[in-house]
PDB file of N, CA and C in Angstrom:
ATOM      1  N   MET A   1      61.036 -66.331 -44.418  1.00  0.00           N
ATOM      2  CA  MET A   1      60.229 -66.264 -45.856  1.00  0.00           C
ATOM      3  C   MET A   1      59.134 -65.258 -45.475  1.00  0.00           C
ATOM      4  N   PRO A   2      58.899 -64.394 -46.372  1.00  0.00           N
ATOM      5  CA  PRO A   2      58.251 -63.138 -46.436  1.00  0.00           C
ATOM      6  C   PRO A   2      56.633 -63.527 -46.857  1.00  0.00           C
ATOM      7  N   PRO A   3      55.524 -63.423 -45.858  1.00  0.00           N
ATOM      8  CA  PRO A   3      54.213 -64.144 -45.971  1.00  0.00           C
ATOM      9  C   PRO A   3      54.264 -64.095 -46.870  1.00  0.00           C
ATOM     10  N   ALA A   4      53.551 -64.887 -47.387  1.00  0.00           N
ATOM     11  CA  ALA A   4      52.226 -66.007 -48.995  1.00  0.00           C
ATOM     12  C   ALA A   4      52.084 -64.114 -49.263  1.00  0.00           C
ATOM     13  N   PRO A   5      51.068 -63.586 -49.090  1.00  0.00           N
ATOM     14  CA  PRO A   5      49.976 -61.906 -49.652  1.00  0.00           C
ATOM     15  C   PRO A   5      52.027 -61.398 -50.748  1.00  0.00           C
ATOM     16  N   ALA A   6      52.652 -61.541 -49.282  1.00  0.00           N
ATOM     17  CA  ALA A   6      54.070 -60.352 -49.942  1.00  0.00           C
ATOM     18  C   ALA A   6      54.817 -61.119 -51.340  1.00  0.00           C
ATOM     19  N   LEU A   7      54.813 -62.168 -51.109  1.00  0.00           N
ATOM     20  CA  LEU A   7      55.550 -62.788 -52.199  1.00  0.00           C
ATOM     21  C   LEU A   7      54.017 -62.712 -53.642  1.00  0.00           C
ATOM     22  N   HIS A   8      53.415 -62.690 -53.030  1.00  0.00           N
ATOM     23  CA  HIS A   8      53.029 -62.889 -54.392  1.00  0.00           C
ATOM     24  C   HIS A   8      53.078 -61.246 -55.193  1.00  0.00           C
ATOM     25  N   THR A   9      52.416 -60.268 -54.667  1.00  0.00           N
ATOM     26  CA  THR A   9      52.750 -59.062 -55.056  1.00  0.00           C
ATOM     27  C   THR A   9      54.195 -58.707 -54.912  1.00  0.00           C
ATOM     28  N   GLY A  10      54.836 -59.413 -54.754  1.00  0.00           N
ATOM     29  CA  GLY A  10      56.346 -58.723 -55.339  1.00  0.00           C
ATOM     30  C   GLY A  10      56.109 -59.516 -56.771  1.00  0.00           C
ATOM     31  N   ALA A  11      55.912 -60.953 -57.036  1.00  0.00           N
ATOM     32  CA  ALA A  11      56.175 -61.406 -58.696  1.00  0.00           C
ATOM     33  C   ALA A  11      54.560 -60.422 -59.063  1.00  0.00           C
ATOM     34  N   LEU A  12      53.612 -59.938 -58.953  1.00  0.00           N
ATOM     35  CA  LEU A  12      53.016 -59.731 -59.918  1.00  0.00           C
ATOM     36  C   LEU A  12      53.746 -58.131 -60.299  1.00  0.00           C
ATOM     37  N   ILE A  13      54.059 -57.314 -58.922  1.00  0.00           N
ATOM     38  CA  ILE A  13      54.479 -56.328 -59.599  1.00  0.00           C
ATOM     39  C   ILE A  13      55.960 -56.869 -60.591  1.00  0.00           C
ATOM     40  N   GLY A  14      56.566 -57.767 -59.926  1.00  0.00           N
ATOM     41  CA  GLY A  14      57.612 -57.896 -60.956  1.00  0.00           C
ATOM     42  C   GLY A  14      57.251 -58.877 -62.742  1.00  0.00           C
ATOM     43  N   VAL A  15      55.973 -58.995 -62.649  1.00  0.00           N
ATOM     44  CA  VAL A  15      55.695 -59.988 -63.821  1.00  0.00           C
ATOM     45  C   VAL A  15      55.102 -58.196 -64.886  1.00  0.00           C
ATOM     46  N   ALA A  16      54.978 -57.424 -64.129  1.00  0.00           N
ATOM     47  CA  ALA A  16      54.025 -56.147 -64.694  1.00  0.00           C
ATOM     48  C   ALA A  16      55.449 -55.515 -65.063  1.00  0.00           C
ATOM     49  N   GLN A  17      56.161 -55.600 -64.661  1.00  0.00           N
ATOM     50  CA  GLN A  17      57.339 -54.130 -64.830  1.00  0.00           C
ATOM     51  C   GLN A  17      58.330 -55.422 -65.956  1.00  0.00           C
ATOM     52  N   PHE A  18      57.507 -56.749 -65.856  1.00  0.00           N
ATOM     53  CA  PHE A  18      58.722 -57.334 -67.666  1.00  0.00           C
ATOM     54  C   PHE A  18      57.587 -56.699 -68.606  1.00  0.00           C
ATOM     55  N   PHE A  19      56.808 -57.316 -68.283  1.00  0.00           N
ATOM     56  CA  PHE A  19      55.652 -56.037 -69.764  1.00  0.00           C
ATOM     57  C   PHE A  19      55.904 -55.037 -70.186  1.00  0.00           C
ATOM     58  N   ALA A  20      55.961 -54.279 -69.024  1.00  0.00           N
ATOM     59  CA  ALA A  20      56.675 -52.695 -69.361  1.00  0.00           C
ATOM     60  C   ALA A  20      58.074 -52.822 -70.115  1.00  0.00           C
ATOM     61  N   ALA A  21      58.753 -53.215 -69.835  1.00  0.00           N
ATOM     62  CA  ALA A  21      60.462 -52.722 -69.724  1.00  0.00           C
ATOM     63  C   ALA A  21      60.523 -53.879 -70.932  1.00  0.00           C
ATOM     64  N   GLN A  22      60.387 -55.321 -71.177  1.00  0.00           N
ATOM     65  CA  GLN A  22      60.777 -55.693 -71.596  1.00  0.00           C
ATOM     66  C   GLN A  22      59.808 -56.074 -73.504  1.00  0.00           C
ATOM     67  N   LEU A  23      58.927 -56.260 -73.145  1.00  0.00           N
ATOM     68  CA  LEU A  23      57.627 -56.159 -74.142  1.00  0.00           C
ATOM     69  C   LEU A  23      56.934 -54.726 -74.405  1.00  0.00           C
ATOM     70  N   GLY A  24      57.266 -53.943 -73.536  1.00  0.00           N
ATOM     71  CA  GLY A  24      56.658 -52.201 -74.532  1.00  0.00           C
ATOM     72  C   GLY A  24      55.336 -51.928 -73.908  1.00  0.00           C
ATOM     73  N   ASP A  25      54.826 -53.477 -73.002  1.00  0.00           N
ATOM     74  CA  ASP A  25      53.533 -53.101 -72.865  1.00  0.00           C
ATOM     75  C   ASP A  25      53.030 -52.404 -71.234  1.00  0.00           C
ATOM     76  N   PRO A  26      52.710 -51.678 -71.142  1.00  0.00           N
ATOM     77  CA  PRO A  26      52.367 -51.117 -69.263  1.00  0.00           C
ATOM     78  C   PRO A  26      50.642 -51.469 -69.236  1.00  0.00           C
ATOM     79  N   THR A  27      50.491 -51.628 -70.014  1.00  0.00           N
ATOM     80  CA  THR A  27      49.012 -52.060 -69.209  1.00  0.00           C
ATOM     81  C   THR A  27      49.009 -52.902 -68.299  1.00  0.00           C
ATOM     82  N   LEU A  28      49.552 -53.964 -68.028  1.00  0.00           N
ATOM     83  CA  LEU A  28      49.846 -54.448 -66.448  1.00  0.00           C
ATOM     84  C   LEU A  28      50.156 -53.615 -64.717  1.00  0.00           C
ATOM     85  N   LEU A  29      51.600 -52.331 -65.535  1.00  0.00           N
ATOM     86  CA  LEU A  29      51.905 -51.597 -64.428  1.00  0.00           C
ATOM     87  C   LEU A  29      50.642 -50.421 -64.309  1.00  0.00           C
ATOM     88  N   ASP A  30      50.157 -49.746 -65.298  1.00  0.00           N
ATOM     89  CA  ASP A  30      48.676 -49.569 -65.444  1.00  0.00           C
ATOM     90  C   ASP A  30      47.742 -49.513 -64.268  1.00  0.00           C
ATOM     91  N   ALA A  31      47.862 -50.589 -64.364  1.00  0.00           N
ATOM     92  CA  ALA A  31      45.988 -50.864 -63.992  1.00  0.00           C
ATOM     93  C   ALA A  31      46.504 -51.031 -62.363  1.00  0.00           C
ATOM     94  N   MET A  32      47.757 -51.532 -61.970  1.00  0.00           N
ATOM     95  CA  MET A  32      47.903 -51.655 -60.794  1.00  0.00           C
ATOM     96  C   MET A  32      47.995 -49.978 -60.089  1.00  0.00           C
ATOM     97  N   HIS A  33      48.936 -48.993 -60.896  1.00  0.00           N
ATOM     98  CA  HIS A  33      48.473 -47.890 -60.439  1.00  0.00           C
ATOM     99  C   HIS A  33      47.290 -47.348 -60.524  1.00  0.00           C
ATOM    100  N   GLY A  34      46.333 -47.947 -61.504  1.00  0.00           N
ATOM    101  CA  GLY A  34      45.061 -46.914 -60.908  1.00  0.00           C
ATOM    102  C   GLY A  34      45.269 -45.580 -61.837  1.00  0.00           C
ATOM    103  N   PRO A  35      44.340 -44.642 -61.361  1.00  0.00           N
ATOM    104  CA  PRO A  35      44.238 -43.547 -61.894  1.00  0.00           C
ATOM    105  C   PRO A  35      44.377 -42.378 -60.764  1.00  0.00           C
ATOM    106  N   GLN A  36      45.317 -41.828 -61.377  1.00  0.00           N
ATOM    107  CA  GLN A  36      45.962 -40.732 -60.710  1.00  0.00           C
ATOM    108  C   GLN A  36      45.213 -40.388 -59.279  1.00  0.00           C
ATOM    109  N   GLU A  37      44.037 -39.594 -59.921  1.00  0.00           N
ATOM    110  CA  GLU A  37      42.873 -38.851 -58.770  1.00  0.00           C
ATOM    111  C   GLU A  37      42.740 -39.518 -57.504  1.00  0.00           C
ATOM    112  N   SER A  38      42.690 -41.794 -57.941  1.00  0.00           N
ATOM    113  CA  SER A  38      42.570 -41.909 -56.893  1.00  0.00           C
ATOM    114  C   SER A  38      43.949 -42.508 -56.141  1.00  0.00           C
ATOM    115  N   ASN A  39      44.829 -42.415 -56.947  1.00  0.00           N
ATOM    116  CA  ASN A  39      46.698 -42.811 -55.763  1.00  0.00           C
ATOM    117  C   ASN A  39      46.455 -41.791 -54.757  1.00  0.00           C
ATOM    118  N   PRO A  40      46.814 -42.425 -53.963  1.00  0.00           N
ATOM    119  CA  PRO A  40      46.896 -41.100 -52.725  1.00  0.00           C
ATOM    120  C   PRO A  40      48.724 -40.858 -52.464  1.00  0.00           C
ATOM    121  N   ILE A  41      49.529 -42.037 -53.645  1.00  0.00           N
ATOM    122  CA  ILE A  41      51.047 -42.058 -53.252  1.00  0.00           C
ATOM    123  C   ILE A  41      51.211 -40.979 -54.388  1.00  0.00           C
ATOM    124  N   ALA A  42      50.777 -41.286 -55.843  1.00  0.00           N
ATOM    125  CA  ALA A  42      50.772 -40.465 -56.695  1.00  0.00           C
ATOM    126  C   ALA A  42      50.198 -38.775 -56.735  1.00  0.00           C
ATOM    127  N   ALA A  43      49.599 -38.933 -55.571  1.00  0.00           N
ATOM    128  CA  ALA A  43      48.770 -37.547 -54.754  1.00  0.00           C
ATOM    129  C   ALA A  43      49.662 -37.116 -53.873  1.00  0.00           C
ATOM    130  N   ARG A  44      50.676 -37.613 -53.109  1.00  0.00           N
ATOM    131  CA  ARG A  44      51.375 -37.395 -51.873  1.00  0.00           C
ATOM    132  C   ARG A  44      52.573 -36.930 -52.776  1.00  0.00           C
ATOM    133  N   GLN A  45      53.193 -37.651 -53.968  1.00  0.00           N
ATOM    134  CA  GLN A  45      54.336 -37.216 -54.894  1.00  0.00           C
ATOM    135  C   GLN A  45      53.910 -35.692 -55.730  1.00  0.00           C
ATOM    136  N   VAL A  46      52.640 -35.860 -56.229  1.00  0.00           N
ATOM    137  CA  VAL A  46      52.300 -34.055 -57.002  1.00  0.00           C
ATOM    138  C   VAL A  46      52.422 -33.265 -55.805  1.00  0.00           C
ATOM    139  N   ARG A  47      52.158 -33.427 -54.507  1.00  0.00           N
ATOM    140  CA  ARG A  47      52.102 -32.309 -53.852  1.00  0.00           C
ATOM    141  C   ARG A  47      53.174 -31.807 -53.182  1.00  0.00           C
ATOM    142  N   SER A  48      54.245 -33.110 -53.236  1.00  0.00           N
ATOM    143  CA  SER A  48      55.568 -32.848 -52.585  1.00  0.00           C
ATOM    144  C   SER A  48      56.483 -32.761 -53.844  1.00  0.00           C
ATOM    145  N   ASP A  49      56.146 -31.908 -55.069  1.00  0.00           N
ATOM    146  CA  ASP A  49      56.216 -31.215 -56.420  1.00  0.00           C
ATOM    147  C   ASP A  49      56.600 -29.918 -56.528  1.00  0.00           C
ATOM    148  N   ARG A  50      55.559 -29.519 -55.830  1.00  0.00           N
ATOM    149  CA  ARG A  50      55.070 -28.115 -55.986  1.00  0.00           C
ATOM    150  C   ARG A  50      55.766 -27.198 -54.712  1.00  0.00           C
ATOM    151  N   PRO A  51      56.119 -25.852 -55.259  1.00  0.00           N
ATOM    152  CA  PRO A  51      57.580 -25.180 -54.904  1.00  0.00           C
ATOM    153  C   PRO A  51      56.523 -24.772 -53.381  1.00  0.00           C
ATOM    154  N   GLY A  52      57.060 -24.782 -52.346  1.00  0.00           N
ATOM    155  CA  GLY A  52      56.446 -24.619 -51.330  1.00  0.00           C
ATOM    156  C   GLY A  52      56.133 -25.284 -50.921  1.00  0.00           C
ATOM    157  N   SER A  53      55.749 -27.064 -50.535  1.00  0.00           N
ATOM    158  CA  SER A  53      55.344 -28.079 -50.061  1.00  0.00           C
ATOM    159  C   SER A  53      56.299 -28.023 -49.072  1.00  0.00           C
TER     160      SER A  53
END
């Protein structure tokens, strides 16, 4: 069984995805992502999308 924090994280992501997909409200999912400027994963994806990266 996964540790409790992993279970809670998965549950929160699931709820946020449900709200976005089924209810058309991406507010929770957007809050989890945070601003693009301070999100290291988003920044890495932007860099990898650039030609020559």
